[in-house]
Amino acid sequence: PIAGSMMLAAVLLKLGGYGIIRMTPTNTLTPLIYPTIAMTMWGIIMTGLTCLRKTDLKALIAYSSVGHMGLVISATLIQTPWSTSGAMILMVAHGLTSSMLFCLANMLYERTNTRMLITMRGMQKAMPLMTTYWLIANLTNLALPPTINLIGEIQIMTTLFNWSPLTIMMSTMGTVITAIYSLQMFMTSQQGHLTKDSKEVYPTQTRELLIMILHALPILLLTLNSELIH
């Protein structure tokens, strides 16, 4: 259910991240940090490549969450104030962005009865206002400056580079792949010609716009003043 997906992305994933932050300082198995961070870096790239070939919109957003949380895990394992701060910022930003994307995907599913990206094309002509929120969600997902997502990712990538310069290649590759599939998701679902089944799509409702505003407004406020998280 969409409510479960939104709660999972916005709250439950962040409870896991909080648990890692609290439990990592008590960990005495320091040598295990090195292979774990290597696995998270590799996981970011693999989930990104998986997203590039996904045709199921909801699965694409779910895999995107896995990639972003890989950055959070690697930052929390380093155990520096800068990395922990970056992990906290990215978790808050991702909770809003991923929940917004899941909600937008469900709005399209309610109108088209399918989650296949190719059958959702041309939605900009049917719901132009909702396309604006799709653009906001995708741009924040790919960490466009000066969004709060970028601040968190920059902090994490900086601490990873200070910890090991080799990580910059993998984290940068993951960031580029994230930008590619985020733009691909937006272009495929919003641009192009409407399909035959989508020409009778009903317009955006007030409750849907309210949900989108409740997601976009905190993102805007945190972008203008990231110190609100602390």
C-alpha atoms as a PDB file:
ATOM      1  CA  PRO A   1       0.000   0.000   0.000  1.00  0.00           C
ATOM      2  CA  ILE A   2       1.169   3.533  -0.738  1.00  0.00           C
ATOM      3  CA  ALA A   3       0.756   4.618   2.903  1.00  0.00           C
ATOM      4  CA  GLY A   4       3.073   1.796   3.958  1.00  0.00           C
ATOM      5  CA  SER A   5       5.648   2.774   1.341  1.00  0.00           C
ATOM      6  CA  MET A   6       5.582   6.400   2.483  1.00  0.00           C
ATOM      7  CA  MET A   7       5.958   5.433   6.146  1.00  0.00           C
ATOM      8  CA  LEU A   8       8.762   3.027   5.284  1.00  0.00           C
ATOM      9  CA  ALA A   9      10.699   5.666   3.332  1.00  0.00           C
ATOM     10  CA  ALA A  10      10.025   8.593   5.651  1.00  0.00           C
ATOM     11  CA  VAL A  11      10.172   7.011   9.120  1.00  0.00           C
ATOM     12  CA  LEU A  12      11.241   3.367   9.342  1.00  0.00           C
ATOM     13  CA  LEU A  13      14.409   3.723   7.243  1.00  0.00           C
ATOM     14  CA  LYS A  14      15.385   6.665   9.419  1.00  0.00           C
ATOM     15  CA  LEU A  15      14.842   4.627  12.596  1.00  0.00           C
ATOM     16  CA  GLY A  16      17.352   2.134  11.203  1.00  0.00           C
ATOM     17  CA  GLY A  17      19.813   4.919  10.476  1.00  0.00           C
ATOM     18  CA  TYR A  18      19.333   6.325  13.970  1.00  0.00           C
ATOM     19  CA  GLY A  19      19.976   2.876  15.431  1.00  0.00           C
ATOM     20  CA  ILE A  20      23.225   2.592  13.469  1.00  0.00           C
ATOM     21  CA  ILE A  21      24.328   6.031  14.699  1.00  0.00           C
ATOM     22  CA  ARG A  22      23.661   5.042  18.326  1.00  0.00           C
ATOM     23  CA  MET A  23      25.177   1.551  18.140  1.00  0.00           C
ATOM     24  CA  THR A  24      28.291   2.205  16.011  1.00  0.00           C
ATOM     25  CA  PRO A  25      30.310   3.927  18.809  1.00  0.00           C
ATOM     26  CA  THR A  26      29.946   0.757  20.913  1.00  0.00           C
ATOM     27  CA  ASN A  27      31.298  -1.436  18.099  1.00  0.00           C
ATOM     28  CA  THR A  28      34.677  -2.981  18.858  1.00  0.00           C
ATOM     29  CA  LEU A  29      34.992  -4.761  15.494  1.00  0.00           C
ATOM     30  CA  THR A  30      36.718  -1.815  13.780  1.00  0.00           C
ATOM     31  CA  PRO A  31      38.299  -3.897  10.955  1.00  0.00           C
ATOM     32  CA  LEU A  32      34.800  -4.778   9.723  1.00  0.00           C
ATOM     33  CA  ILE A  33      34.192  -1.112   8.879  1.00  0.00           C
ATOM     34  CA  TYR A  34      36.419  -1.287   5.799  1.00  0.00           C
ATOM     35  CA  PRO A  35      34.621  -4.104   3.932  1.00  0.00           C
ATOM     36  CA  THR A  36      31.232  -2.755   5.034  1.00  0.00           C
ATOM     37  CA  ILE A  37      31.878   0.689   3.542  1.00  0.00           C
ATOM     38  CA  ALA A  38      33.233  -0.943   0.375  1.00  0.00           C
ATOM     39  CA  MET A  39      30.006  -2.948   0.094  1.00  0.00           C
ATOM     40  CA  THR A  40      27.840   0.144   0.612  1.00  0.00           C
ATOM     41  CA  MET A  41      29.770   2.013  -2.105  1.00  0.00           C
ATOM     42  CA  TRP A  42      29.367  -0.909  -4.477  1.00  0.00           C
ATOM     43  CA  GLY A  43      25.689  -1.142  -3.527  1.00  0.00           C
ATOM     44  CA  ILE A  44      25.126   2.517  -4.456  1.00  0.00           C
ATOM     45  CA  ILE A  45      26.425   1.861  -7.965  1.00  0.00           C
ATOM     46  CA  MET A  46      24.558  -1.429  -8.415  1.00  0.00           C
ATOM     47  CA  THR A  47      21.208  -0.050  -7.241  1.00  0.00           C
ATOM     48  CA  GLY A  48      21.704   2.955  -9.520  1.00  0.00           C
ATOM     49  CA  LEU A  49      22.359   0.703 -12.509  1.00  0.00           C
ATOM     50  CA  THR A  50      19.287  -1.324 -11.546  1.00  0.00           C
ATOM     51  CA  CYS A  51      17.198   1.861 -11.541  1.00  0.00           C
ATOM     52  CA  LEU A  52      18.375   2.663 -15.077  1.00  0.00           C
ATOM     53  CA  ARG A  53      16.658  -0.433 -16.452  1.00  0.00           C
ATOM     54  CA  LYS A  54      13.586  -0.515 -14.199  1.00  0.00           C
ATOM     55  CA  THR A  55      10.209  -0.111 -15.903  1.00  0.00           C
ATOM     56  CA  ASP A  56       8.157  -0.354 -12.696  1.00  0.00           C
ATOM     57  CA  LEU A  57       7.887   3.179 -11.284  1.00  0.00           C
ATOM     58  CA  LYS A  58       7.365   2.154  -7.669  1.00  0.00           C
ATOM     59  CA  ALA A  59      10.256  -0.323  -7.757  1.00  0.00           C
ATOM     60  CA  LEU A  60      12.482   2.356  -9.288  1.00  0.00           C
ATOM     61  CA  ILE A  61      11.774   4.735  -6.392  1.00  0.00           C
ATOM     62  CA  ALA A  62      12.345   1.936  -3.872  1.00  0.00           C
ATOM     63  CA  TYR A  63      15.745   1.034  -5.352  1.00  0.00           C
ATOM     64  CA  SER A  64      16.634   4.727  -5.343  1.00  0.00           C
ATOM     65  CA  SER A  65      16.047   4.766  -1.579  1.00  0.00           C
ATOM     66  CA  VAL A  66      18.449   1.855  -1.140  1.00  0.00           C
ATOM     67  CA  GLY A  67      21.190   3.779  -2.927  1.00  0.00           C
ATOM     68  CA  HIS A  68      20.747   6.897  -0.824  1.00  0.00           C
ATOM     69  CA  MET A  69      20.726   4.931   2.423  1.00  0.00           C
ATOM     70  CA  GLY A  70      24.030   3.348   1.371  1.00  0.00           C
ATOM     71  CA  LEU A  71      25.577   6.807   1.663  1.00  0.00           C
ATOM     72  CA  VAL A  72      24.035   7.223   5.108  1.00  0.00           C
ATOM     73  CA  ILE A  73      25.399   3.891   6.363  1.00  0.00           C
ATOM     74  CA  SER A  74      28.907   4.596   5.092  1.00  0.00           C
ATOM     75  CA  ALA A  75      28.854   8.038   6.770  1.00  0.00           C
ATOM     76  CA  THR A  76      27.690   6.695  10.132  1.00  0.00           C
ATOM     77  CA  LEU A  77      30.402   4.031  10.186  1.00  0.00           C
ATOM     78  CA  ILE A  78      33.185   6.638   9.901  1.00  0.00           C
ATOM     79  CA  GLN A  79      32.045   8.158  13.229  1.00  0.00           C
ATOM     80  CA  THR A  80      33.119  11.787  12.783  1.00  0.00           C
ATOM     81  CA  PRO A  81      30.929  14.783  13.699  1.00  0.00           C
ATOM     82  CA  TRP A  82      30.918  15.960  10.071  1.00  0.00           C
ATOM     83  CA  SER A  83      29.862  12.559   8.707  1.00  0.00           C
ATOM     84  CA  THR A  84      27.145  12.096  11.335  1.00  0.00           C
ATOM     85  CA  SER A  85      25.802  15.575  10.591  1.00  0.00           C
ATOM     86  CA  GLY A  86      25.744  14.781   6.855  1.00  0.00           C
ATOM     87  CA  ALA A  87      23.965  11.497   7.505  1.00  0.00           C
ATOM     88  CA  MET A  88      21.307  13.238   9.596  1.00  0.00           C
ATOM     89  CA  ILE A  89      20.735  15.901   6.930  1.00  0.00           C
ATOM     90  CA  LEU A  90      20.502  13.351   4.128  1.00  0.00           C
ATOM     91  CA  MET A  91      18.100  11.159   6.108  1.00  0.00           C
ATOM     92  CA  VAL A  92      15.714  14.054   6.716  1.00  0.00           C
ATOM     93  CA  ALA A  93      15.963  15.219   3.098  1.00  0.00           C
ATOM     94  CA  HIS A  94      15.522  11.724   1.720  1.00  0.00           C
ATOM     95  CA  GLY A  95      12.530  11.072   3.961  1.00  0.00           C
ATOM     96  CA  LEU A  96      10.673  14.014   2.437  1.00  0.00           C
ATOM     97  CA  THR A  97      11.804  13.418  -1.148  1.00  0.00           C
ATOM     98  CA  SER A  98      11.216   9.664  -1.281  1.00  0.00           C
ATOM     99  CA  SER A  99       7.805   9.963   0.391  1.00  0.00           C
ATOM    100  CA  MET A 100       6.858  12.637  -2.160  1.00  0.00           C
ATOM    101  CA  LEU A 101       7.942  10.415  -5.056  1.00  0.00           C
ATOM    102  CA  PHE A 102       5.974   7.434  -3.730  1.00  0.00           C
ATOM    103  CA  CYS A 103       2.886   9.608  -3.362  1.00  0.00           C
ATOM    104  CA  LEU A 104       3.246  10.990  -6.901  1.00  0.00           C
ATOM    105  CA  ALA A 105       3.673   7.474  -8.274  1.00  0.00           C
ATOM    106  CA  ASN A 106       0.486   6.385  -6.539  1.00  0.00           C
ATOM    107  CA  MET A 107      -1.443   9.329  -8.020  1.00  0.00           C
ATOM    108  CA  LEU A 108      -0.439   8.170 -11.486  1.00  0.00           C
ATOM    109  CA  TYR A 109      -1.307   4.562 -10.617  1.00  0.00           C
ATOM    110  CA  GLU A 110      -4.820   5.578  -9.501  1.00  0.00           C
ATOM    111  CA  ARG A 111      -5.390   7.163 -12.911  1.00  0.00           C
ATOM    112  CA  THR A 112      -3.708   4.643 -15.215  1.00  0.00           C
ATOM    113  CA  ASN A 113      -4.044   1.385 -13.179  1.00  0.00           C
ATOM    114  CA  THR A 114      -0.469   0.497 -14.093  1.00  0.00           C
ATOM    115  CA  ARG A 115       3.004   1.154 -12.735  1.00  0.00           C
ATOM    116  CA  MET A 116       4.804   0.776 -16.061  1.00  0.00           C
ATOM    117  CA  LEU A 117       6.648   3.960 -17.003  1.00  0.00           C
ATOM    118  CA  ILE A 118       6.014   3.637 -20.732  1.00  0.00           C
ATOM    119  CA  THR A 119       2.229   3.681 -20.248  1.00  0.00           C
ATOM    120  CA  MET A 120       2.359   6.871 -18.151  1.00  0.00           C
ATOM    121  CA  ARG A 121       3.973   9.132 -20.738  1.00  0.00           C
ATOM    122  CA  GLY A 122       2.557  12.534 -21.592  1.00  0.00           C
ATOM    123  CA  MET A 123       1.128  13.268 -18.148  1.00  0.00           C
ATOM    124  CA  GLN A 124       2.237  16.890 -18.429  1.00  0.00           C
ATOM    125  CA  LYS A 125      -0.617  17.483 -20.867  1.00  0.00           C
ATOM    126  CA  ALA A 126      -3.194  15.862 -18.580  1.00  0.00           C
ATOM    127  CA  MET A 127      -1.933  17.228 -15.229  1.00  0.00           C
ATOM    128  CA  PRO A 128       0.394  20.207 -15.814  1.00  0.00           C
ATOM    129  CA  LEU A 129       0.349  21.358 -12.176  1.00  0.00           C
ATOM    130  CA  MET A 130       1.350  17.916 -10.925  1.00  0.00           C
ATOM    131  CA  THR A 131       4.283  17.975 -13.371  1.00  0.00           C
ATOM    132  CA  THR A 132       5.701  20.874 -11.340  1.00  0.00           C
ATOM    133  CA  TYR A 133       5.801  18.695  -8.226  1.00  0.00           C
ATOM    134  CA  TRP A 134       7.314  15.846 -10.243  1.00  0.00           C
ATOM    135  CA  LEU A 135      10.084  18.230 -11.291  1.00  0.00           C
ATOM    136  CA  ILE A 136      10.662  19.394  -7.699  1.00  0.00           C
ATOM    137  CA  ALA A 137      10.797  15.818  -6.398  1.00  0.00           C
ATOM    138  CA  ASN A 138      13.181  14.587  -9.095  1.00  0.00           C
ATOM    139  CA  LEU A 139      15.510  17.581  -8.828  1.00  0.00           C
ATOM    140  CA  THR A 140      15.766  17.173  -5.059  1.00  0.00           C
ATOM    141  CA  ASN A 141      16.280  13.421  -5.516  1.00  0.00           C
ATOM    142  CA  LEU A 142      19.317  14.045  -7.738  1.00  0.00           C
ATOM    143  CA  ALA A 143      20.633  16.654  -5.255  1.00  0.00           C
ATOM    144  CA  LEU A 144      20.363  19.772  -7.378  1.00  0.00           C
ATOM    145  CA  PRO A 145      22.046  22.843  -5.841  1.00  0.00           C
ATOM    146  CA  PRO A 146      21.121  24.376  -3.446  1.00  0.00           C
ATOM    147  CA  THR A 147      18.697  21.737  -2.140  1.00  0.00           C
ATOM    148  CA  ILE A 148      19.122  20.151   1.277  1.00  0.00           C
ATOM    149  CA  ASN A 149      19.965  16.807  -0.382  1.00  0.00           C
ATOM    150  CA  LEU A 150      23.108  18.330  -1.892  1.00  0.00           C
ATOM    151  CA  ILE A 151      24.286  19.614   1.487  1.00  0.00           C
ATOM    152  CA  GLY A 152      23.993  16.146   3.007  1.00  0.00           C
ATOM    153  CA  GLU A 153      25.681  14.415   0.069  1.00  0.00           C
ATOM    154  CA  ILE A 154      28.540  16.926  -0.062  1.00  0.00           C
ATOM    155  CA  GLN A 155      29.231  16.453   3.650  1.00  0.00           C
ATOM    156  CA  ILE A 156      29.205  12.669   3.316  1.00  0.00           C
ATOM    157  CA  MET A 157      31.359  12.627   0.180  1.00  0.00           C
ATOM    158  CA  THR A 158      33.867  14.991   1.841  1.00  0.00           C
ATOM    159  CA  THR A 159      34.228  12.788   4.910  1.00  0.00           C
ATOM    160  CA  LEU A 160      34.491   9.667   2.747  1.00  0.00           C
ATOM    161  CA  PHE A 161      37.251  11.308   0.701  1.00  0.00           C
ATOM    162  CA  ASN A 162      39.148  12.282   3.858  1.00  0.00           C
ATOM    163  CA  TRP A 163      38.768   8.725   5.119  1.00  0.00           C
ATOM    164  CA  SER A 164      39.887   7.165   1.833  1.00  0.00           C
ATOM    165  CA  PRO A 165      40.474   9.011  -1.468  1.00  0.00           C
ATOM    166  CA  LEU A 166      39.398   5.898  -3.407  1.00  0.00           C
ATOM    167  CA  THR A 167      35.779   6.367  -2.315  1.00  0.00           C
ATOM    168  CA  ILE A 168      35.433   9.565  -4.355  1.00  0.00           C
ATOM    169  CA  MET A 169      35.294   7.583  -7.597  1.00  0.00           C
ATOM    170  CA  MET A 170      32.486   5.296  -6.470  1.00  0.00           C
ATOM    171  CA  SER A 171      30.445   7.993  -4.728  1.00  0.00           C
ATOM    172  CA  THR A 172      30.764  10.320  -7.727  1.00  0.00           C
ATOM    173  CA  MET A 173      29.731   7.552 -10.101  1.00  0.00           C
ATOM    174  CA  GLY A 174      26.700   6.843  -7.915  1.00  0.00           C
ATOM    175  CA  THR A 175      25.748  10.540  -7.937  1.00  0.00           C
ATOM    176  CA  VAL A 176      25.963  10.713 -11.742  1.00  0.00           C
ATOM    177  CA  ILE A 177      23.854   7.566 -12.152  1.00  0.00           C
ATOM    178  CA  THR A 178      21.275   8.993  -9.722  1.00  0.00           C
ATOM    179  CA  ALA A 179      20.993  12.140 -11.838  1.00  0.00           C
ATOM    180  CA  ILE A 180      20.538  10.066 -15.009  1.00  0.00           C
ATOM    181  CA  TYR A 181      17.736   7.826 -13.781  1.00  0.00           C
ATOM    182  CA  SER A 182      15.972  10.692 -11.976  1.00  0.00           C
ATOM    183  CA  LEU A 183      15.817  12.747 -15.171  1.00  0.00           C
ATOM    184  CA  GLN A 184      14.874   9.637 -17.151  1.00  0.00           C
ATOM    185  CA  MET A 185      11.999   8.975 -14.757  1.00  0.00           C
ATOM    186  CA  PHE A 186      10.723  12.532 -15.138  1.00  0.00           C
ATOM    187  CA  MET A 187      11.060  12.644 -18.921  1.00  0.00           C
ATOM    188  CA  THR A 188       9.451   9.243 -19.461  1.00  0.00           C
ATOM    189  CA  SER A 189       6.431   9.839 -17.242  1.00  0.00           C
ATOM    190  CA  GLN A 190       5.747  13.492 -18.080  1.00  0.00           C
ATOM    191  CA  GLN A 191       6.921  14.140 -21.634  1.00  0.00           C
ATOM    192  CA  GLY A 192       5.706  12.730 -24.929  1.00  0.00           C
ATOM    193  CA  HIS A 193       2.235  12.006 -26.274  1.00  0.00           C
ATOM    194  CA  LEU A 194      -0.619  10.723 -24.138  1.00  0.00           C
ATOM    195  CA  THR A 195      -1.540   7.091 -24.604  1.00  0.00           C
ATOM    196  CA  LYS A 196      -5.021   6.120 -25.715  1.00  0.00           C
ATOM    197  CA  ASP A 197      -5.990   5.026 -22.194  1.00  0.00           C
ATOM    198  CA  SER A 198      -4.614   8.195 -20.552  1.00  0.00           C
ATOM    199  CA  LYS A 199      -6.680  10.735 -22.490  1.00  0.00           C
ATOM    200  CA  GLU A 200      -9.532  10.521 -19.982  1.00  0.00           C
ATOM    201  CA  VAL A 201      -7.367  11.081 -16.903  1.00  0.00           C
ATOM    202  CA  TYR A 202      -9.195  13.183 -14.321  1.00  0.00           C
ATOM    203  CA  PRO A 203      -7.434  16.394 -13.183  1.00  0.00           C
ATOM    204  CA  THR A 204      -5.537  16.963  -9.974  1.00  0.00           C
ATOM    205  CA  GLN A 205      -7.656  17.092  -6.807  1.00  0.00           C
ATOM    206  CA  THR A 206      -7.289  19.560  -3.944  1.00  0.00           C
ATOM    207  CA  ARG A 207      -6.301  16.897  -1.396  1.00  0.00           C
ATOM    208  CA  GLU A 208      -3.502  15.741  -3.701  1.00  0.00           C
ATOM    209  CA  LEU A 209      -2.182  19.261  -4.063  1.00  0.00           C
ATOM    210  CA  LEU A 210      -2.286  19.680  -0.282  1.00  0.00           C
ATOM    211  CA  ILE A 211      -0.214  16.511   0.193  1.00  0.00           C
ATOM    212  CA  MET A 212       2.344  17.781  -2.303  1.00  0.00           C
ATOM    213  CA  ILE A 213       2.546  21.188  -0.605  1.00  0.00           C
ATOM    214  CA  LEU A 214       3.112  19.491   2.762  1.00  0.00           C
ATOM    215  CA  HIS A 215       6.108  17.706   1.212  1.00  0.00           C
ATOM    216  CA  ALA A 216       7.508  20.584  -0.858  1.00  0.00           C
ATOM    217  CA  LEU A 217       7.228  23.258   1.841  1.00  0.00           C
ATOM    218  CA  PRO A 218       9.546  21.553   4.380  1.00  0.00           C
ATOM    219  CA  ILE A 219      12.045  20.863   1.578  1.00  0.00           C
ATOM    220  CA  LEU A 220      12.032  24.556   0.679  1.00  0.00           C
ATOM    221  CA  LEU A 221      12.346  25.691   4.308  1.00  0.00           C
ATOM    222  CA  LEU A 222      15.236  23.308   4.998  1.00  0.00           C
ATOM    223  CA  THR A 223      16.954  24.394   1.785  1.00  0.00           C
ATOM    224  CA  LEU A 224      16.758  28.025   2.876  1.00  0.00           C
ATOM    225  CA  ASN A 225      17.878  27.229   6.439  1.00  0.00           C
ATOM    226  CA  SER A 226      19.509  23.819   6.940  1.00  0.00           C
ATOM    227  CA  GLU A 227      20.237  24.630  10.595  1.00  0.00           C
ATOM    228  CA  LEU A 228      16.578  23.785  11.323  1.00  0.00           C
ATOM    229  CA  ILE A 229      17.617  20.109  11.311  1.00  0.00           C
ATOM    230  CA  HIS A 230      20.050  20.639  14.194  1.00  0.00           C
END
